Every structure is written in structure tokens, then in C-alpha cells.
Amino acid sequence: MQLTKFDRWLKENFIYETHIFILRRPEFKLPSGVKISELDQGASGDYRFRLRIKNNKKADQTLALLKEHQLMCATHVVEGRHWYNKRIAPEGKSFTYQWILRGITSVLILCAAYGVYVLFQNPQLISTIQDTLNELKAGM
């Protein structure tokens, strides 16, 4: 299904994380919100540290700092592991269209329930239904 601008904005701000792999631990102060973790030597190849950043602007600032201090790095944008990933960005579906369809469905259900309520306020309809039920019981 087609993603809307709102769907892309949700993914960019809440789902995607930037992982920056570097050879050595930076000796300068990184922007707030940057998490540093050490990697296993065999699994990660040459890189020893991973910087996890959720905000794109902070990722750009961090990359500029790394470039300024001449640190070699590799960048990957990945989906973070959050409990709300399936809610915000369902696989192959649009969050916005899902909620629009849910809203329309709930309005239709409420209209139908109100229509049934109004119909049962009619005394002639109630007496007709009771007569029909009595006839069915008598015939069985």
C-alpha cells in the first residue's frame, strides 16, 4: 500500500536508527543521545565500536565531528527494535490508511447501532416482533 508523508515521517522519527561503526573510541565529546557500544572483534570485521543514534540531526552532527577529527567510519540506517514497530509501521501497510478505515468502520457501526435503537423505540415494530415470535413458538 502507498505510504503517505505522515507514514514516512513516523518511520524516520520513531523507527529508523543510524548506526555508525568506528575503529577507535572518540576522544572528544559526542552529542547527547549517542550510545556507544563495543563490538566483538570477529563479528564486526575491522570496526571496534558502534554509535547508535535515533535522531537524524544528531547523526549528521556526529558524522561531521568524526570527519573533522579524521576518524574512519561506516554508516548504516536500520530499523530499531522497539515494541511499537508493528503498530506504527506495519509490514506492507500504511498506518494512516489503516486508521482512516478503522474510523470509517467505527462510524458505520455506531450509525447502525443507533438505527437499531431508533427502530426498537417504535411500539408497532415491537408488537409485530412479539407476535411473530409467539407464532413461531406456537408452530414448533
N, C-alpha and C. Protein backbone atom coordinates (compact mmCIF):
# COMPACT_ATOMS: atom_id res chain seq x y z
N MET A 1 0.85 -1.17 0.00
CA MET A 1 0.00 0.00 0.00
C MET A 1 0.90 1.24 0.00
N GLN A 2 0.43 2.30 -0.59
CA GLN A 2 1.17 3.54 -0.71
C GLN A 2 1.37 4.20 0.66
N LEU A 3 2.60 4.59 0.97
CA LEU A 3 2.88 5.28 2.22
C LEU A 3 2.66 6.77 2.04
N THR A 4 2.07 7.40 3.03
CA THR A 4 1.85 8.84 2.99
C THR A 4 3.07 9.56 3.57
N LYS A 5 3.08 10.88 3.47
CA LYS A 5 4.17 11.66 4.06
C LYS A 5 4.21 11.45 5.57
N PHE A 6 3.04 11.35 6.17
CA PHE A 6 2.96 11.12 7.61
C PHE A 6 3.57 9.77 7.98
N ASP A 7 3.30 8.73 7.17
CA ASP A 7 3.88 7.41 7.42
C ASP A 7 5.40 7.46 7.34
N ARG A 8 5.92 8.14 6.35
CA ARG A 8 7.38 8.26 6.20
C ARG A 8 7.98 9.05 7.37
N TRP A 9 7.28 10.10 7.81
CA TRP A 9 7.75 10.89 8.94
C TRP A 9 7.79 10.03 10.21
N LEU A 10 6.75 9.21 10.43
CA LEU A 10 6.72 8.33 11.60
C LEU A 10 7.90 7.36 11.59
N LYS A 11 8.15 6.76 10.42
CA LYS A 11 9.26 5.81 10.31
C LYS A 11 10.59 6.51 10.57
N GLU A 12 10.76 7.68 9.99
CA GLU A 12 12.03 8.39 10.12
C GLU A 12 12.30 8.80 11.56
N ASN A 13 11.27 9.23 12.27
CA ASN A 13 11.47 9.76 13.62
C ASN A 13 11.39 8.73 14.73
N PHE A 14 10.66 7.63 14.51
CA PHE A 14 10.46 6.68 15.60
C PHE A 14 11.00 5.28 15.34
N ILE A 15 11.19 4.90 14.10
CA ILE A 15 11.60 3.54 13.78
C ILE A 15 13.09 3.46 13.44
N TYR A 16 13.54 4.30 12.51
CA TYR A 16 14.90 4.18 12.00
C TYR A 16 15.94 4.67 13.00
N GLU A 17 17.07 3.97 13.04
CA GLU A 17 18.23 4.35 13.83
C GLU A 17 19.43 4.40 12.90
N THR A 18 20.36 5.28 13.21
CA THR A 18 21.61 5.34 12.47
C THR A 18 22.69 4.66 13.29
N HIS A 19 23.36 3.67 12.69
CA HIS A 19 24.47 3.00 13.34
C HIS A 19 25.75 3.43 12.62
N ILE A 20 26.67 3.98 13.39
CA ILE A 20 27.96 4.41 12.84
C ILE A 20 29.03 3.53 13.46
N PHE A 21 29.76 2.84 12.61
CA PHE A 21 30.84 1.96 13.06
C PHE A 21 32.17 2.68 12.92
N ILE A 22 32.97 2.65 14.01
CA ILE A 22 34.26 3.35 14.01
C ILE A 22 35.35 2.41 14.52
N LEU A 23 36.60 2.76 14.20
CA LEU A 23 37.75 1.92 14.57
C LEU A 23 38.17 2.11 16.02
N ARG A 24 38.18 3.36 16.49
CA ARG A 24 38.62 3.61 17.86
C ARG A 24 37.64 4.55 18.55
N ARG A 25 37.65 4.48 19.86
CA ARG A 25 36.72 5.28 20.67
C ARG A 25 37.06 6.76 20.49
N PRO A 26 36.04 7.60 20.24
CA PRO A 26 36.32 9.03 20.06
C PRO A 26 36.82 9.65 21.37
N GLU A 27 37.78 10.55 21.25
CA GLU A 27 38.36 11.21 22.41
C GLU A 27 37.72 12.56 22.66
N PHE A 28 36.75 12.91 21.87
CA PHE A 28 36.04 14.18 22.01
C PHE A 28 34.61 13.91 22.45
N LYS A 29 33.94 14.97 22.87
CA LYS A 29 32.57 14.84 23.38
C LYS A 29 31.59 14.69 22.22
N LEU A 30 30.77 13.66 22.29
CA LEU A 30 29.74 13.42 21.27
C LEU A 30 28.45 14.10 21.68
N PRO A 31 27.55 14.38 20.73
CA PRO A 31 26.26 14.97 21.09
C PRO A 31 25.47 14.05 22.01
N SER A 32 24.57 14.64 22.79
CA SER A 32 23.76 13.82 23.70
C SER A 32 22.85 12.90 22.90
N GLY A 33 22.55 11.75 23.46
CA GLY A 33 21.70 10.78 22.78
C GLY A 33 22.46 9.76 21.96
N VAL A 34 23.79 9.88 21.92
CA VAL A 34 24.62 8.92 21.17
C VAL A 34 25.05 7.83 22.14
N LYS A 35 24.73 6.58 21.80
CA LYS A 35 25.11 5.46 22.66
C LYS A 35 26.27 4.71 22.00
N ILE A 36 27.31 4.49 22.79
CA ILE A 36 28.49 3.79 22.29
C ILE A 36 28.49 2.37 22.84
N SER A 37 28.72 1.41 21.96
CA SER A 37 28.84 0.03 22.41
C SER A 37 30.05 -0.61 21.72
N GLU A 38 30.72 -1.48 22.46
CA GLU A 38 31.89 -2.15 21.90
C GLU A 38 31.43 -3.41 21.19
N LEU A 39 32.04 -3.71 20.04
CA LEU A 39 31.66 -4.86 19.23
C LEU A 39 32.65 -6.00 19.42
N ASP A 40 32.19 -7.20 19.15
CA ASP A 40 33.08 -8.37 19.14
C ASP A 40 34.05 -8.22 17.99
N GLN A 41 35.26 -8.62 18.22
CA GLN A 41 36.30 -8.44 17.20
C GLN A 41 36.03 -9.27 15.96
N GLY A 42 35.59 -10.51 16.09
CA GLY A 42 35.40 -11.37 14.94
C GLY A 42 34.15 -11.06 14.14
N ALA A 43 33.07 -10.67 14.81
CA ALA A 43 31.79 -10.49 14.13
C ALA A 43 31.72 -9.20 13.33
N SER A 44 32.42 -8.17 13.75
CA SER A 44 32.26 -6.86 13.12
C SER A 44 33.35 -6.51 12.13
N GLY A 45 34.28 -7.37 11.92
CA GLY A 45 35.36 -7.06 10.99
C GLY A 45 36.38 -6.15 11.65
N ASP A 46 36.70 -5.05 10.98
CA ASP A 46 37.72 -4.13 11.48
C ASP A 46 37.19 -3.15 12.53
N TYR A 47 35.89 -2.93 12.55
CA TYR A 47 35.34 -1.90 13.43
C TYR A 47 35.21 -2.42 14.85
N ARG A 48 35.51 -1.55 15.82
CA ARG A 48 35.51 -1.95 17.23
C ARG A 48 34.34 -1.36 18.01
N PHE A 49 33.81 -0.21 17.55
CA PHE A 49 32.75 0.47 18.30
C PHE A 49 31.58 0.80 17.39
N ARG A 50 30.39 0.79 17.99
CA ARG A 50 29.18 1.18 17.26
C ARG A 50 28.51 2.33 18.00
N LEU A 51 28.20 3.38 17.27
CA LEU A 51 27.45 4.51 17.81
C LEU A 51 26.01 4.37 17.34
N ARG A 52 25.07 4.32 18.27
CA ARG A 52 23.65 4.21 17.93
C ARG A 52 23.00 5.57 18.16
N ILE A 53 22.36 6.09 17.10
CA ILE A 53 21.75 7.42 17.16
C ILE A 53 20.35 7.33 16.58
N LYS A 54 19.37 7.85 17.32
CA LYS A 54 17.98 7.78 16.85
C LYS A 54 17.56 9.04 16.09
N ASN A 55 18.24 10.14 16.28
CA ASN A 55 17.86 11.41 15.67
C ASN A 55 18.75 11.68 14.46
N ASN A 56 18.15 12.04 13.32
CA ASN A 56 18.92 12.29 12.10
C ASN A 56 19.85 13.49 12.23
N LYS A 57 19.39 14.55 12.88
CA LYS A 57 20.21 15.75 13.02
C LYS A 57 21.45 15.46 13.87
N LYS A 58 21.25 14.68 14.94
CA LYS A 58 22.39 14.33 15.78
C LYS A 58 23.34 13.40 15.05
N ALA A 59 22.80 12.56 14.18
CA ALA A 59 23.65 11.68 13.37
C ALA A 59 24.51 12.51 12.42
N ASP A 60 23.92 13.54 11.80
CA ASP A 60 24.69 14.42 10.92
C ASP A 60 25.77 15.17 11.69
N GLN A 61 25.42 15.64 12.90
CA GLN A 61 26.41 16.33 13.73
C GLN A 61 27.56 15.39 14.10
N THR A 62 27.22 14.16 14.45
CA THR A 62 28.24 13.18 14.83
C THR A 62 29.14 12.86 13.64
N LEU A 63 28.56 12.68 12.47
CA LEU A 63 29.36 12.42 11.27
C LEU A 63 30.29 13.59 10.95
N ALA A 64 29.79 14.81 11.15
CA ALA A 64 30.64 15.98 10.92
C ALA A 64 31.80 16.01 11.91
N LEU A 65 31.53 15.67 13.18
CA LEU A 65 32.59 15.62 14.18
C LEU A 65 33.62 14.54 13.84
N LEU A 66 33.15 13.39 13.41
CA LEU A 66 34.07 12.30 13.05
C LEU A 66 34.93 12.69 11.86
N LYS A 67 34.32 13.36 10.89
CA LYS A 67 35.07 13.81 9.72
C LYS A 67 36.09 14.88 10.11
N GLU A 68 35.68 15.76 11.02
CA GLU A 68 36.57 16.84 11.47
C GLU A 68 37.79 16.26 12.19
N HIS A 69 37.58 15.19 12.97
CA HIS A 69 38.69 14.56 13.70
C HIS A 69 39.32 13.42 12.90
N GLN A 70 38.95 13.28 11.66
CA GLN A 70 39.52 12.33 10.72
C GLN A 70 39.45 10.88 11.22
N LEU A 71 38.28 10.50 11.69
CA LEU A 71 38.04 9.12 12.08
C LEU A 71 37.30 8.40 10.96
N MET A 72 37.79 7.24 10.58
CA MET A 72 37.14 6.47 9.53
C MET A 72 35.88 5.83 10.11
N CYS A 73 34.81 5.84 9.35
CA CYS A 73 33.56 5.29 9.85
C CYS A 73 32.73 4.70 8.70
N ALA A 74 31.78 3.86 9.08
CA ALA A 74 30.80 3.30 8.15
C ALA A 74 29.43 3.55 8.76
N THR A 75 28.47 3.90 7.92
CA THR A 75 27.15 4.27 8.40
C THR A 75 26.10 3.31 7.86
N HIS A 76 25.19 2.89 8.74
CA HIS A 76 24.06 2.05 8.36
C HIS A 76 22.80 2.62 8.99
N VAL A 77 21.74 2.69 8.22
CA VAL A 77 20.44 3.09 8.76
C VAL A 77 19.61 1.81 8.85
N VAL A 78 19.16 1.49 10.06
CA VAL A 78 18.43 0.24 10.30
C VAL A 78 17.15 0.54 11.07
N GLU A 79 16.24 -0.44 11.06
CA GLU A 79 15.05 -0.32 11.89
C GLU A 79 15.41 -0.74 13.31
N GLY A 80 15.13 0.13 14.25
CA GLY A 80 15.39 -0.19 15.65
C GLY A 80 14.43 -1.25 16.14
N ARG A 81 14.81 -1.92 17.22
CA ARG A 81 13.95 -2.95 17.82
C ARG A 81 13.13 -2.31 18.92
N HIS A 82 11.91 -1.89 18.55
CA HIS A 82 11.01 -1.25 19.50
C HIS A 82 9.72 -2.04 19.55
N TRP A 83 9.01 -1.98 20.66
CA TRP A 83 7.76 -2.71 20.80
C TRP A 83 6.68 -2.15 19.90
N TYR A 84 6.79 -0.88 19.50
CA TYR A 84 5.74 -0.24 18.73
C TYR A 84 5.97 -0.28 17.22
N ASN A 85 6.99 -0.98 16.76
CA ASN A 85 7.27 -1.03 15.32
C ASN A 85 6.08 -1.56 14.51
N LYS A 86 5.47 -2.64 14.97
CA LYS A 86 4.35 -3.23 14.23
C LYS A 86 3.12 -2.35 14.25
N ARG A 87 3.01 -1.50 15.25
CA ARG A 87 1.85 -0.60 15.34
C ARG A 87 2.02 0.62 14.42
N ILE A 88 3.21 1.21 14.45
CA ILE A 88 3.45 2.43 13.67
C ILE A 88 3.72 2.12 12.21
N ALA A 89 4.46 1.08 11.95
CA ALA A 89 4.85 0.77 10.57
C ALA A 89 4.60 -0.71 10.27
N PRO A 90 3.33 -1.09 10.10
CA PRO A 90 3.06 -2.49 9.78
C PRO A 90 3.64 -2.86 8.42
N GLU A 91 4.07 -4.09 8.29
CA GLU A 91 4.74 -4.57 7.08
C GLU A 91 3.82 -4.46 5.86
N GLY A 92 4.19 -3.62 4.90
CA GLY A 92 3.45 -3.50 3.64
C GLY A 92 2.14 -2.76 3.75
N LYS A 93 1.90 -2.06 4.85
CA LYS A 93 0.63 -1.35 5.04
C LYS A 93 0.90 0.09 5.45
N SER A 94 -0.10 0.92 5.29
CA SER A 94 0.02 2.32 5.67
C SER A 94 -0.70 2.56 7.00
N PHE A 95 0.01 3.14 7.96
CA PHE A 95 -0.55 3.47 9.26
C PHE A 95 -1.74 4.43 9.11
N THR A 96 -1.58 5.43 8.26
CA THR A 96 -2.62 6.44 8.09
C THR A 96 -3.89 5.83 7.51
N TYR A 97 -3.75 5.05 6.43
CA TYR A 97 -4.93 4.46 5.81
C TYR A 97 -5.61 3.45 6.73
N GLN A 98 -4.84 2.73 7.52
CA GLN A 98 -5.44 1.80 8.47
C GLN A 98 -6.33 2.54 9.46
N TRP A 99 -5.83 3.66 9.99
CA TRP A 99 -6.62 4.40 10.97
C TRP A 99 -7.81 5.11 10.33
N ILE A 100 -7.69 5.53 9.09
CA ILE A 100 -8.83 6.12 8.38
C ILE A 100 -9.92 5.06 8.20
N LEU A 101 -9.53 3.85 7.77
CA LEU A 101 -10.50 2.78 7.58
C LEU A 101 -11.12 2.35 8.91
N ARG A 102 -10.33 2.31 9.97
CA ARG A 102 -10.87 1.98 11.29
C ARG A 102 -11.88 3.04 11.75
N GLY A 103 -11.59 4.30 11.49
CA GLY A 103 -12.51 5.37 11.85
C GLY A 103 -13.83 5.27 11.08
N ILE A 104 -13.74 5.04 9.77
CA ILE A 104 -14.95 4.89 8.96
C ILE A 104 -15.77 3.70 9.42
N THR A 105 -15.10 2.59 9.72
CA THR A 105 -15.80 1.39 10.18
C THR A 105 -16.50 1.64 11.50
N SER A 106 -15.83 2.30 12.43
CA SER A 106 -16.46 2.57 13.73
C SER A 106 -17.65 3.52 13.59
N VAL A 107 -17.56 4.50 12.70
CA VAL A 107 -18.70 5.40 12.47
C VAL A 107 -19.88 4.62 11.90
N LEU A 108 -19.62 3.74 10.95
CA LEU A 108 -20.70 2.93 10.37
C LEU A 108 -21.34 2.02 11.41
N ILE A 109 -20.53 1.41 12.27
CA ILE A 109 -21.08 0.54 13.33
C ILE A 109 -21.93 1.35 14.30
N LEU A 110 -21.46 2.54 14.68
CA LEU A 110 -22.24 3.39 15.59
C LEU A 110 -23.55 3.84 14.94
N CYS A 111 -23.51 4.15 13.65
CA CYS A 111 -24.74 4.54 12.94
C CYS A 111 -25.73 3.37 12.90
N ALA A 112 -25.23 2.18 12.64
CA ALA A 112 -26.10 1.01 12.60
C ALA A 112 -26.70 0.73 13.98
N ALA A 113 -25.90 0.85 15.03
CA ALA A 113 -26.40 0.63 16.39
C ALA A 113 -27.46 1.67 16.75
N TYR A 114 -27.23 2.91 16.37
CA TYR A 114 -28.23 3.95 16.64
C TYR A 114 -29.51 3.69 15.84
N GLY A 115 -29.37 3.23 14.60
CA GLY A 115 -30.54 2.91 13.79
C GLY A 115 -31.37 1.79 14.40
N VAL A 116 -30.70 0.76 14.93
CA VAL A 116 -31.41 -0.34 15.59
C VAL A 116 -32.09 0.18 16.85
N TYR A 117 -31.42 1.04 17.59
CA TYR A 117 -32.02 1.63 18.80
C TYR A 117 -33.29 2.42 18.46
N VAL A 118 -33.22 3.22 17.40
CA VAL A 118 -34.39 4.03 17.00
C VAL A 118 -35.52 3.12 16.54
N LEU A 119 -35.22 2.07 15.80
CA LEU A 119 -36.26 1.14 15.34
C LEU A 119 -36.97 0.46 16.51
N PHE A 120 -36.22 0.11 17.53
CA PHE A 120 -36.84 -0.55 18.67
C PHE A 120 -37.58 0.41 19.59
N GLN A 121 -37.55 1.68 19.32
CA GLN A 121 -38.36 2.64 20.05
C GLN A 121 -39.78 2.71 19.48
N ASN A 122 -39.99 2.10 18.32
CA ASN A 122 -41.29 2.09 17.66
C ASN A 122 -42.15 0.98 18.29
N PRO A 123 -43.29 1.36 18.95
CA PRO A 123 -44.12 0.34 19.63
C PRO A 123 -44.78 -0.65 18.64
N GLN A 124 -45.11 -0.20 17.44
CA GLN A 124 -45.72 -1.09 16.46
C GLN A 124 -44.72 -2.18 16.04
N LEU A 125 -43.47 -1.81 15.85
CA LEU A 125 -42.45 -2.78 15.47
C LEU A 125 -42.26 -3.81 16.58
N ILE A 126 -42.24 -3.37 17.83
CA ILE A 126 -42.06 -4.29 18.95
C ILE A 126 -43.22 -5.27 19.03
N SER A 127 -44.46 -4.78 18.88
CA SER A 127 -45.63 -5.68 18.93
C SER A 127 -45.61 -6.66 17.76
N THR A 128 -45.19 -6.23 16.58
CA THR A 128 -45.09 -7.12 15.43
C THR A 128 -44.05 -8.22 15.67
N ILE A 129 -42.92 -7.86 16.24
CA ILE A 129 -41.87 -8.84 16.54
C ILE A 129 -42.36 -9.84 17.58
N GLN A 130 -43.06 -9.34 18.61
CA GLN A 130 -43.57 -10.25 19.64
C GLN A 130 -44.62 -11.20 19.07
N ASP A 131 -45.49 -10.70 18.20
CA ASP A 131 -46.50 -11.56 17.56
C ASP A 131 -45.82 -12.63 16.70
N THR A 132 -44.80 -12.23 15.97
CA THR A 132 -44.07 -13.18 15.11
C THR A 132 -43.41 -14.27 15.96
N LEU A 133 -42.77 -13.88 17.07
CA LEU A 133 -42.15 -14.86 17.95
C LEU A 133 -43.17 -15.81 18.57
N ASN A 134 -44.31 -15.26 18.95
CA ASN A 134 -45.37 -16.12 19.53
C ASN A 134 -45.88 -17.11 18.50
N GLU A 135 -46.04 -16.69 17.25
CA GLU A 135 -46.49 -17.59 16.18
C GLU A 135 -45.46 -18.70 15.93
N LEU A 136 -44.17 -18.32 15.96
CA LEU A 136 -43.11 -19.31 15.76
C LEU A 136 -43.09 -20.33 16.88
N LYS A 137 -43.29 -19.87 18.14
CA LYS A 137 -43.31 -20.78 19.28
C LYS A 137 -44.51 -21.72 19.22
N ALA A 138 -45.65 -21.16 18.78
CA ALA A 138 -46.87 -21.97 18.70
C ALA A 138 -46.74 -23.02 17.59
N GLY A 139 -46.03 -22.71 16.53
CA GLY A 139 -45.89 -23.64 15.40
C GLY A 139 -44.90 -24.74 15.68
N MET A 140 -44.02 -24.58 16.64
CA MET A 140 -43.00 -25.60 16.93
C MET A 140 -43.56 -26.61 17.77
